[in-house]
């Protein structure tokens, strides 16, 4: 069942859309302002967002602009709903990240058809870039995204840090409890990591029991703080099947040659493992 987020400061409009969408058996979410919409998108990741343009404090244009700065913007389909009819407004919305534009008053059956287009589009995107088990990004997407972020950071002289994290003694989990329990552990670990990260951070499954976290606008010291926070959260988390686990972390920051970022973070991770696990090591 697809999730549809209705973002509109007008309660009557939300109620009307809710009524029609409920008939189509969608899971319906609502937000009455832009900030709440961004929080909902991060927490719930709806397939389609119906976004009103004219809202107080944060317009639909502002929401698109903020969402575009995060990895999640590729995983939702935004349909802007507005009474503004000028081509300039349409172009602005599409340039800021909207996928479609519907003028009020609209035909509900046309809107439903456009929502179905959005569902199909998002499903294909998610299948291509999301790890099926952990629901984090997959390695293919991460490799593409890190290349873009390195280029952007070098061009604008922005900070960029990377964390590589590995579950300690994960083989024992599979050996003692079986692979189904191992899969559950990987899902829980992914959720704990995501909860400790910002919307703008990208979390991906690097392979097996390894995860990578890309931290835009973050220097080495702050990258270390993020890794330490995740390390502590994992160590104190009670896992349903195995009770407690630990992870080891390697942290590196962008240097002169961005191509070495992964290699340096991996070297730091190796040192964390070698020096006793359940710790954070930075690449100096």
C-alpha atoms as a PDB file:
ATOM      1  CA  UNK A   1       0.000   0.000   0.000  1.00  0.00           C
ATOM      2  CA  UNK A   2       1.500   3.313  -1.098  1.00  0.00           C
ATOM      3  CA  UNK A   3       1.737   6.269   1.262  1.00  0.00           C
ATOM      4  CA  UNK A   4       0.445   9.648   0.136  1.00  0.00           C
ATOM      5  CA  UNK A   5       1.388  12.789   2.072  1.00  0.00           C
ATOM      6  CA  UNK A   6      -1.054  15.692   1.796  1.00  0.00           C
ATOM      7  CA  UNK A   7       0.643  19.019   2.604  1.00  0.00           C
ATOM      8  CA  UNK A   8      -1.778  21.929   2.856  1.00  0.00           C
ATOM      9  CA  UNK A   9      -2.536  24.552   5.499  1.00  0.00           C
ATOM     10  CA  UNK A  10      -6.243  24.403   4.560  1.00  0.00           C
ATOM     11  CA  UNK A  11      -7.990  21.744   6.664  1.00  0.00           C
ATOM     12  CA  UNK A  12     -10.936  21.521   4.237  1.00  0.00           C
ATOM     13  CA  UNK A  13      -8.620  20.745   1.330  1.00  0.00           C
ATOM     14  CA  UNK A  14      -6.838  18.064   3.342  1.00  0.00           C
ATOM     15  CA  UNK A  15     -10.167  16.538   4.343  1.00  0.00           C
ATOM     16  CA  UNK A  16     -11.421  16.467   0.759  1.00  0.00           C
ATOM     17  CA  UNK A  17      -8.245  14.845  -0.554  1.00  0.00           C
ATOM     18  CA  UNK A  18      -8.196  12.412   2.367  1.00  0.00           C
ATOM     19  CA  UNK A  19     -11.727  11.285   1.532  1.00  0.00           C
ATOM     20  CA  UNK A  20     -10.955  10.574  -2.129  1.00  0.00           C
ATOM     21  CA  UNK A  21      -7.606   8.896  -1.433  1.00  0.00           C
ATOM     22  CA  UNK A  22      -9.119   6.674   1.239  1.00  0.00           C
ATOM     23  CA  UNK A  23     -11.473   5.245  -1.400  1.00  0.00           C
ATOM     24  CA  UNK A  24      -8.388   4.201  -3.376  1.00  0.00           C
ATOM     25  CA  UNK A  25      -6.958   2.373  -0.331  1.00  0.00           C
ATOM     26  CA  UNK A  26      -3.894   4.556   0.078  1.00  0.00           C
ATOM     27  CA  UNK A  27      -2.183   5.035   3.418  1.00  0.00           C
ATOM     28  CA  UNK A  28      -2.730   8.729   4.012  1.00  0.00           C
ATOM     29  CA  UNK A  29      -0.467  11.130   5.899  1.00  0.00           C
ATOM     30  CA  UNK A  30      -1.106  14.811   6.496  1.00  0.00           C
ATOM     31  CA  UNK A  31       0.955  17.900   7.252  1.00  0.00           C
ATOM     32  CA  UNK A  32      -0.363  21.412   7.740  1.00  0.00           C
ATOM     33  CA  UNK A  33       2.934  23.194   7.116  1.00  0.00           C
ATOM     34  CA  UNK A  34       6.223  22.786   5.294  1.00  0.00           C
ATOM     35  CA  UNK A  35       8.444  21.989   8.270  1.00  0.00           C
ATOM     36  CA  UNK A  36       6.138  19.218   9.440  1.00  0.00           C
ATOM     37  CA  UNK A  37       6.057  17.905   5.861  1.00  0.00           C
ATOM     38  CA  UNK A  38       9.854  17.578   5.772  1.00  0.00           C
ATOM     39  CA  UNK A  39       9.779  15.696   9.088  1.00  0.00           C
ATOM     40  CA  UNK A  40       7.044  13.377   7.782  1.00  0.00           C
ATOM     41  CA  UNK A  41       8.972  12.674   4.605  1.00  0.00           C
ATOM     42  CA  UNK A  42      12.042  11.680   6.584  1.00  0.00           C
ATOM     43  CA  UNK A  43      10.119   9.507   9.045  1.00  0.00           C
ATOM     44  CA  UNK A  44       7.593   7.893   6.689  1.00  0.00           C
ATOM     45  CA  UNK A  45       9.112   8.243   3.182  1.00  0.00           C
ATOM     46  CA  UNK A  46       5.795   8.436   1.288  1.00  0.00           C
ATOM     47  CA  UNK A  47       5.735   7.503  -2.367  1.00  0.00           C
ATOM     48  CA  UNK A  48       3.819  10.638  -3.414  1.00  0.00           C
ATOM     49  CA  UNK A  49       3.585  14.108  -1.854  1.00  0.00           C
ATOM     50  CA  UNK A  50       0.679  16.413  -2.748  1.00  0.00           C
ATOM     51  CA  UNK A  51       2.222  19.774  -1.965  1.00  0.00           C
ATOM     52  CA  UNK A  52       0.361  23.070  -1.785  1.00  0.00           C
ATOM     53  CA  UNK A  53       2.427  26.016  -3.025  1.00  0.00           C
ATOM     54  CA  UNK A  54       0.925  28.878  -1.014  1.00  0.00           C
ATOM     55  CA  UNK A  55       1.494  28.199   2.685  1.00  0.00           C
ATOM     56  CA  UNK A  56       2.572  30.548   5.491  1.00  0.00           C
ATOM     57  CA  UNK A  57       6.135  30.440   6.877  1.00  0.00           C
ATOM     58  CA  UNK A  58       7.397  27.864   4.354  1.00  0.00           C
ATOM     59  CA  UNK A  59       5.955  27.720   0.841  1.00  0.00           C
ATOM     60  CA  UNK A  60       5.803  24.625  -1.337  1.00  0.00           C
ATOM     61  CA  UNK A  61       8.748  26.081  -3.265  1.00  0.00           C
ATOM     62  CA  UNK A  62      10.724  26.257  -0.009  1.00  0.00           C
ATOM     63  CA  UNK A  63       9.855  22.640   0.829  1.00  0.00           C
ATOM     64  CA  UNK A  64      11.080  21.488  -2.592  1.00  0.00           C
ATOM     65  CA  UNK A  65      14.286  23.454  -2.195  1.00  0.00           C
ATOM     66  CA  UNK A  66      14.996  21.952   1.238  1.00  0.00           C
ATOM     67  CA  UNK A  67      14.094  18.431   0.150  1.00  0.00           C
ATOM     68  CA  UNK A  68      16.325  18.672  -2.896  1.00  0.00           C
ATOM     69  CA  UNK A  69      19.338  19.036  -0.584  1.00  0.00           C
ATOM     70  CA  UNK A  70      18.743  15.556   0.862  1.00  0.00           C
ATOM     71  CA  UNK A  71      19.136  12.057  -0.617  1.00  0.00           C
ATOM     72  CA  UNK A  72      15.418  11.440   0.001  1.00  0.00           C
ATOM     73  CA  UNK A  73      14.387  13.837  -2.752  1.00  0.00           C
ATOM     74  CA  UNK A  74      14.926  11.116  -5.344  1.00  0.00           C
ATOM     75  CA  UNK A  75      12.637   8.684  -3.533  1.00  0.00           C
ATOM     76  CA  UNK A  76       9.428  10.723  -3.428  1.00  0.00           C
ATOM     77  CA  UNK A  77       7.254  12.022  -6.248  1.00  0.00           C
ATOM     78  CA  UNK A  78       6.116  15.602  -5.657  1.00  0.00           C
ATOM     79  CA  UNK A  79       2.927  16.915  -7.230  1.00  0.00           C
ATOM     80  CA  UNK A  80       2.514  20.623  -6.585  1.00  0.00           C
ATOM     81  CA  UNK A  81      -1.077  21.838  -6.170  1.00  0.00           C
ATOM     82  CA  UNK A  82      -1.637  25.533  -6.741  1.00  0.00           C
ATOM     83  CA  UNK A  83      -3.976  28.227  -7.969  1.00  0.00           C
ATOM     84  CA  UNK A  84      -0.972  30.019  -9.521  1.00  0.00           C
ATOM     85  CA  UNK A  85      -1.265  29.644 -13.274  1.00  0.00           C
ATOM     86  CA  UNK A  86       1.737  31.489 -14.700  1.00  0.00           C
ATOM     87  CA  UNK A  87       4.396  29.566 -16.582  1.00  0.00           C
ATOM     88  CA  UNK A  88       7.035  31.212 -14.374  1.00  0.00           C
ATOM     89  CA  UNK A  89       5.539  29.587 -11.273  1.00  0.00           C
ATOM     90  CA  UNK A  90       5.350  26.191 -12.965  1.00  0.00           C
ATOM     91  CA  UNK A  91       8.948  26.415 -14.126  1.00  0.00           C
ATOM     92  CA  UNK A  92      10.126  27.520 -10.677  1.00  0.00           C
ATOM     93  CA  UNK A  93       8.407  24.567  -9.004  1.00  0.00           C
ATOM     94  CA  UNK A  94       9.798  22.055 -11.478  1.00  0.00           C
ATOM     95  CA  UNK A  95      13.293  23.557 -11.257  1.00  0.00           C
ATOM     96  CA  UNK A  96      13.197  23.294  -7.469  1.00  0.00           C
ATOM     97  CA  UNK A  97      12.467  19.564  -7.544  1.00  0.00           C
ATOM     98  CA  UNK A  98       8.743  19.044  -8.169  1.00  0.00           C
ATOM     99  CA  UNK A  99       7.851  16.218 -10.551  1.00  0.00           C
ATOM    100  CA  UNK A 100       4.409  17.417 -11.618  1.00  0.00           C
ATOM    101  CA  UNK A 101       2.200  20.483 -11.367  1.00  0.00           C
ATOM    102  CA  UNK A 102      -1.613  20.536 -11.040  1.00  0.00           C
ATOM    103  CA  UNK A 103      -3.676  23.724 -11.153  1.00  0.00           C
ATOM    104  CA  UNK A 104      -6.531  24.270  -8.692  1.00  0.00           C
ATOM    105  CA  UNK A 105      -9.400  23.645  -8.991  1.00  0.00           C
ATOM    106  CA  UNK A 106      -8.442  20.212 -10.326  1.00  0.00           C
ATOM    107  CA  UNK A 107     -10.302  17.168 -11.539  1.00  0.00           C
ATOM    108  CA  UNK A 108      -9.887  14.518  -8.841  1.00  0.00           C
ATOM    109  CA  UNK A 109      -9.770  11.681 -11.386  1.00  0.00           C
ATOM    110  CA  UNK A 110      -6.967  13.373 -13.289  1.00  0.00           C
ATOM    111  CA  UNK A 111      -5.098  13.880 -10.009  1.00  0.00           C
ATOM    112  CA  UNK A 112      -5.528  10.196  -9.123  1.00  0.00           C
ATOM    113  CA  UNK A 113      -4.121   9.257 -12.521  1.00  0.00           C
ATOM    114  CA  UNK A 114      -1.098  11.490 -11.938  1.00  0.00           C
ATOM    115  CA  UNK A 115      -0.615   9.906  -8.507  1.00  0.00           C
ATOM    116  CA  UNK A 116      -0.523   6.460 -10.150  1.00  0.00           C
ATOM    117  CA  UNK A 117       2.173   7.721 -12.526  1.00  0.00           C
ATOM    118  CA  UNK A 118       4.119   8.904  -9.490  1.00  0.00           C
ATOM    119  CA  UNK A 119       3.749   5.525  -7.790  1.00  0.00           C
ATOM    120  CA  UNK A 120       5.158   3.691 -10.799  1.00  0.00           C
ATOM    121  CA  UNK A 121       8.033   6.138 -11.165  1.00  0.00           C
ATOM    122  CA  UNK A 122       9.049   5.971  -7.505  1.00  0.00           C
ATOM    123  CA  UNK A 123       8.769   2.176  -7.355  1.00  0.00           C
ATOM    124  CA  UNK A 124      11.245   1.831 -10.219  1.00  0.00           C
ATOM    125  CA  UNK A 125      13.648   4.296  -8.599  1.00  0.00           C
ATOM    126  CA  UNK A 126      13.485   2.634  -5.202  1.00  0.00           C
ATOM    127  CA  UNK A 127      13.991  -0.839  -6.656  1.00  0.00           C
ATOM    128  CA  UNK A 128      17.142   0.425  -8.352  1.00  0.00           C
ATOM    129  CA  UNK A 129      18.810   2.208  -5.432  1.00  0.00           C
ATOM    130  CA  UNK A 130      17.497   0.748  -2.147  1.00  0.00           C
ATOM    131  CA  UNK A 131      18.953  -2.297  -0.386  1.00  0.00           C
ATOM    132  CA  UNK A 132      16.035  -4.708  -0.142  1.00  0.00           C
ATOM    133  CA  UNK A 133      16.892  -6.013   3.336  1.00  0.00           C
ATOM    134  CA  UNK A 134      17.922  -2.928   5.333  1.00  0.00           C
ATOM    135  CA  UNK A 135      16.032  -0.276   3.314  1.00  0.00           C
ATOM    136  CA  UNK A 136      19.180   1.854   3.293  1.00  0.00           C
ATOM    137  CA  UNK A 137      20.746   2.867  -0.031  1.00  0.00           C
ATOM    138  CA  UNK A 138      22.645   0.213  -1.944  1.00  0.00           C
ATOM    139  CA  UNK A 139      26.296   0.199  -2.938  1.00  0.00           C
ATOM    140  CA  UNK A 140      25.601   1.126  -6.566  1.00  0.00           C
ATOM    141  CA  UNK A 141      23.741   4.278  -5.579  1.00  0.00           C
ATOM    142  CA  UNK A 142      26.315   5.151  -2.921  1.00  0.00           C
ATOM    143  CA  UNK A 143      29.156   4.996  -5.446  1.00  0.00           C
ATOM    144  CA  UNK A 144      27.269   7.383  -7.730  1.00  0.00           C
ATOM    145  CA  UNK A 145      26.285   9.719  -4.900  1.00  0.00           C
ATOM    146  CA  UNK A 146      29.738   9.961  -3.310  1.00  0.00           C
ATOM    147  CA  UNK A 147      31.265  10.887  -6.663  1.00  0.00           C
ATOM    148  CA  UNK A 148      28.755  13.736  -6.984  1.00  0.00           C
ATOM    149  CA  UNK A 149      29.359  14.913  -3.411  1.00  0.00           C
ATOM    150  CA  UNK A 150      33.146  14.848  -3.822  1.00  0.00           C
ATOM    151  CA  UNK A 151      32.877  16.967  -6.969  1.00  0.00           C
ATOM    152  CA  UNK A 152      30.492  19.399  -5.250  1.00  0.00           C
ATOM    153  CA  UNK A 153      32.621  19.667  -2.121  1.00  0.00           C
ATOM    154  CA  UNK A 154      35.803  20.253  -4.073  1.00  0.00           C
ATOM    155  CA  UNK A 155      34.160  22.836  -6.324  1.00  0.00           C
ATOM    156  CA  UNK A 156      32.708  24.881  -3.472  1.00  0.00           C
ATOM    157  CA  UNK A 157      35.404  24.078  -0.872  1.00  0.00           C
ATOM    158  CA  UNK A 158      32.935  22.385   1.486  1.00  0.00           C
ATOM    159  CA  UNK A 159      33.749  19.817   4.147  1.00  0.00           C
ATOM    160  CA  UNK A 160      32.845  16.165   3.503  1.00  0.00           C
ATOM    161  CA  UNK A 161      33.431  13.191   5.801  1.00  0.00           C
ATOM    162  CA  UNK A 162      32.840   9.473   5.527  1.00  0.00           C
ATOM    163  CA  UNK A 163      32.231   6.759   8.116  1.00  0.00           C
ATOM    164  CA  UNK A 164      32.625   3.043   7.428  1.00  0.00           C
ATOM    165  CA  UNK A 165      31.048   0.859  10.118  1.00  0.00           C
ATOM    166  CA  UNK A 166      31.253  -2.889  10.606  1.00  0.00           C
ATOM    167  CA  UNK A 167      29.324  -5.107  13.051  1.00  0.00           C
ATOM    168  CA  UNK A 168      31.755  -6.863  15.381  1.00  0.00           C
ATOM    169  CA  UNK A 169      31.774 -10.676  15.280  1.00  0.00           C
ATOM    170  CA  UNK A 170      28.703 -10.790  13.059  1.00  0.00           C
ATOM    171  CA  UNK A 171      29.659 -14.264  11.826  1.00  0.00           C
ATOM    172  CA  UNK A 172      28.904 -15.573  15.320  1.00  0.00           C
ATOM    173  CA  UNK A 173      25.358 -14.217  15.055  1.00  0.00           C
ATOM    174  CA  UNK A 174      24.735 -16.205  11.868  1.00  0.00           C
ATOM    175  CA  UNK A 175      26.497 -19.292  13.237  1.00  0.00           C
ATOM    176  CA  UNK A 176      24.704 -19.293  16.606  1.00  0.00           C
ATOM    177  CA  UNK A 177      21.248 -17.982  15.668  1.00  0.00           C
ATOM    178  CA  UNK A 178      20.921 -18.573  11.932  1.00  0.00           C
ATOM    179  CA  UNK A 179      20.750 -16.264   8.926  1.00  0.00           C
ATOM    180  CA  UNK A 180      17.134 -15.209   9.498  1.00  0.00           C
ATOM    181  CA  UNK A 181      18.100 -13.751  12.865  1.00  0.00           C
ATOM    182  CA  UNK A 182      21.174 -12.249  11.225  1.00  0.00           C
ATOM    183  CA  UNK A 183      18.910 -10.487   8.739  1.00  0.00           C
ATOM    184  CA  UNK A 184      16.763  -9.098  11.572  1.00  0.00           C
ATOM    185  CA  UNK A 185      19.889  -7.784  13.282  1.00  0.00           C
ATOM    186  CA  UNK A 186      21.010  -6.033  10.097  1.00  0.00           C
ATOM    187  CA  UNK A 187      17.608  -4.332   9.817  1.00  0.00           C
ATOM    188  CA  UNK A 188      17.756  -3.154  13.437  1.00  0.00           C
ATOM    189  CA  UNK A 189      21.317  -1.908  13.071  1.00  0.00           C
ATOM    190  CA  UNK A 190      20.331   0.096   9.988  1.00  0.00           C
ATOM    191  CA  UNK A 191      17.470   1.763  11.866  1.00  0.00           C
ATOM    192  CA  UNK A 192      19.683   2.663  14.824  1.00  0.00           C
ATOM    193  CA  UNK A 193      22.231   4.243  12.470  1.00  0.00           C
ATOM    194  CA  UNK A 194      19.578   6.229  10.593  1.00  0.00           C
ATOM    195  CA  UNK A 195      18.126   7.549  13.847  1.00  0.00           C
ATOM    196  CA  UNK A 196      21.498   9.045  14.758  1.00  0.00           C
ATOM    197  CA  UNK A 197      21.999  10.777  11.400  1.00  0.00           C
ATOM    198  CA  UNK A 198      20.757  14.005   9.863  1.00  0.00           C
ATOM    199  CA  UNK A 199      18.337  14.167   6.948  1.00  0.00           C
ATOM    200  CA  UNK A 200      21.216  15.301   4.715  1.00  0.00           C
ATOM    201  CA  UNK A 201      23.433  12.309   5.611  1.00  0.00           C
ATOM    202  CA  UNK A 202      23.395   9.286   3.343  1.00  0.00           C
ATOM    203  CA  UNK A 203      23.396   5.808   4.894  1.00  0.00           C
ATOM    204  CA  UNK A 204      24.100   2.823   2.652  1.00  0.00           C
ATOM    205  CA  UNK A 205      24.788  -0.870   3.057  1.00  0.00           C
ATOM    206  CA  UNK A 206      28.299  -1.355   1.778  1.00  0.00           C
ATOM    207  CA  UNK A 207      28.118  -5.141   1.780  1.00  0.00           C
ATOM    208  CA  UNK A 208      27.499  -7.958   4.261  1.00  0.00           C
ATOM    209  CA  UNK A 209      27.543  -6.389   7.711  1.00  0.00           C
ATOM    210  CA  UNK A 210      29.244  -3.142   6.645  1.00  0.00           C
ATOM    211  CA  UNK A 211      27.563   0.251   6.363  1.00  0.00           C
ATOM    212  CA  UNK A 212      28.816   3.589   5.050  1.00  0.00           C
ATOM    213  CA  UNK A 213      27.610   7.019   6.135  1.00  0.00           C
ATOM    214  CA  UNK A 214      28.403  10.056   3.998  1.00  0.00           C
ATOM    215  CA  UNK A 215      28.358  13.340   5.938  1.00  0.00           C
ATOM    216  CA  UNK A 216      28.139  16.524   3.832  1.00  0.00           C
ATOM    217  CA  UNK A 217      29.293  19.807   5.385  1.00  0.00           C
ATOM    218  CA  UNK A 218      31.093  17.851   8.139  1.00  0.00           C
ATOM    219  CA  UNK A 219      34.755  18.031   9.156  1.00  0.00           C
ATOM    220  CA  UNK A 220      36.758  15.177  10.675  1.00  0.00           C
ATOM    221  CA  UNK A 221      36.109  16.124  14.304  1.00  0.00           C
ATOM    222  CA  UNK A 222      32.366  16.298  13.835  1.00  0.00           C
ATOM    223  CA  UNK A 223      32.428  13.129  11.764  1.00  0.00           C
ATOM    224  CA  UNK A 224      34.122  11.435  14.708  1.00  0.00           C
ATOM    225  CA  UNK A 225      31.401  12.722  17.040  1.00  0.00           C
ATOM    226  CA  UNK A 226      28.698  11.228  14.791  1.00  0.00           C
ATOM    227  CA  UNK A 227      30.510   7.886  14.715  1.00  0.00           C
ATOM    228  CA  UNK A 228      30.909   7.899  18.505  1.00  0.00           C
ATOM    229  CA  UNK A 229      27.205   8.641  18.923  1.00  0.00           C
ATOM    230  CA  UNK A 230      26.275   5.713  16.676  1.00  0.00           C
ATOM    231  CA  UNK A 231      28.814   3.458  18.418  1.00  0.00           C
ATOM    232  CA  UNK A 232      27.234   4.250  21.781  1.00  0.00           C
ATOM    233  CA  UNK A 233      23.688   3.828  20.439  1.00  0.00           C
ATOM    234  CA  UNK A 234      24.495   0.372  19.040  1.00  0.00           C
ATOM    235  CA  UNK A 235      26.306  -0.768  22.212  1.00  0.00           C
ATOM    236  CA  UNK A 236      23.363   0.230  24.433  1.00  0.00           C
ATOM    237  CA  UNK A 237      20.600  -1.005  22.120  1.00  0.00           C
ATOM    238  CA  UNK A 238      18.800  -4.201  23.122  1.00  0.00           C
ATOM    239  CA  UNK A 239      18.362  -6.374  20.047  1.00  0.00           C
ATOM    240  CA  UNK A 240      15.332  -8.626  20.076  1.00  0.00           C
ATOM    241  CA  UNK A 241      17.145 -11.881  19.334  1.00  0.00           C
ATOM    242  CA  UNK A 242      20.787 -11.421  20.362  1.00  0.00           C
ATOM    243  CA  UNK A 243      20.490  -8.780  23.102  1.00  0.00           C
ATOM    244  CA  UNK A 244      23.696  -6.811  22.565  1.00  0.00           C
ATOM    245  CA  UNK A 245      26.163  -6.061  19.771  1.00  0.00           C
ATOM    246  CA  UNK A 246      28.985  -3.635  19.089  1.00  0.00           C
ATOM    247  CA  UNK A 247      30.352  -2.004  15.956  1.00  0.00           C
ATOM    248  CA  UNK A 248      33.697  -0.616  14.860  1.00  0.00           C
ATOM    249  CA  UNK A 249      34.056   2.649  12.926  1.00  0.00           C
ATOM    250  CA  UNK A 250      36.585   4.258  10.621  1.00  0.00           C
ATOM    251  CA  UNK A 251      36.273   7.979   9.828  1.00  0.00           C
ATOM    252  CA  UNK A 252      38.007  10.046   7.164  1.00  0.00           C
ATOM    253  CA  UNK A 253      37.514  13.463   5.639  1.00  0.00           C
ATOM    254  CA  UNK A 254      37.987  14.833   2.144  1.00  0.00           C
ATOM    255  CA  UNK A 255      41.615  15.591   1.363  1.00  0.00           C
ATOM    256  CA  UNK A 256      43.370  16.835  -1.769  1.00  0.00           C
ATOM    257  CA  UNK A 257      42.577  13.652  -3.649  1.00  0.00           C
ATOM    258  CA  UNK A 258      38.901  12.810  -3.114  1.00  0.00           C
ATOM    259  CA  UNK A 259      39.342   9.401  -4.691  1.00  0.00           C
ATOM    260  CA  UNK A 260      41.165   8.229  -1.559  1.00  0.00           C
ATOM    261  CA  UNK A 261      38.297   9.013   0.841  1.00  0.00           C
ATOM    262  CA  UNK A 262      36.959   5.452   0.923  1.00  0.00           C
ATOM    263  CA  UNK A 263      40.418   3.961   1.177  1.00  0.00           C
ATOM    264  CA  UNK A 264      41.342   6.157   4.141  1.00  0.00           C
ATOM    265  CA  UNK A 265      38.094   5.452   5.991  1.00  0.00           C
ATOM    266  CA  UNK A 266      38.614   1.726   5.405  1.00  0.00           C
ATOM    267  CA  UNK A 267      42.164   1.955   6.761  1.00  0.00           C
ATOM    268  CA  UNK A 268      40.811   3.629   9.902  1.00  0.00           C
ATOM    269  CA  UNK A 269      38.182   0.878  10.260  1.00  0.00           C
ATOM    270  CA  UNK A 270      40.918  -1.755  10.037  1.00  0.00           C
ATOM    271  CA  UNK A 271      42.769  -0.017  12.872  1.00  0.00           C
ATOM    272  CA  UNK A 272      39.570   0.055  14.969  1.00  0.00           C
ATOM    273  CA  UNK A 273      39.196  -3.699  14.488  1.00  0.00           C
ATOM    274  CA  UNK A 274      42.848  -4.365  15.160  1.00  0.00           C
ATOM    275  CA  UNK A 275      42.900  -2.300  18.360  1.00  0.00           C
ATOM    276  CA  UNK A 276      40.006  -4.076  20.054  1.00  0.00           C
ATOM    277  CA  UNK A 277      36.727  -3.282  18.246  1.00  0.00           C
ATOM    278  CA  UNK A 278      33.739  -1.331  19.608  1.00  0.00           C
ATOM    279  CA  UNK A 279      35.527   1.939  18.947  1.00  0.00           C
ATOM    280  CA  UNK A 280      36.022   4.834  16.553  1.00  0.00           C
ATOM    281  CA  UNK A 281      39.317   5.518  14.772  1.00  0.00           C
ATOM    282  CA  UNK A 282      39.957   8.505  12.509  1.00  0.00           C
ATOM    283  CA  UNK A 283      42.400   8.592   9.627  1.00  0.00           C
ATOM    284  CA  UNK A 284      45.034  11.142  10.566  1.00  0.00           C
END
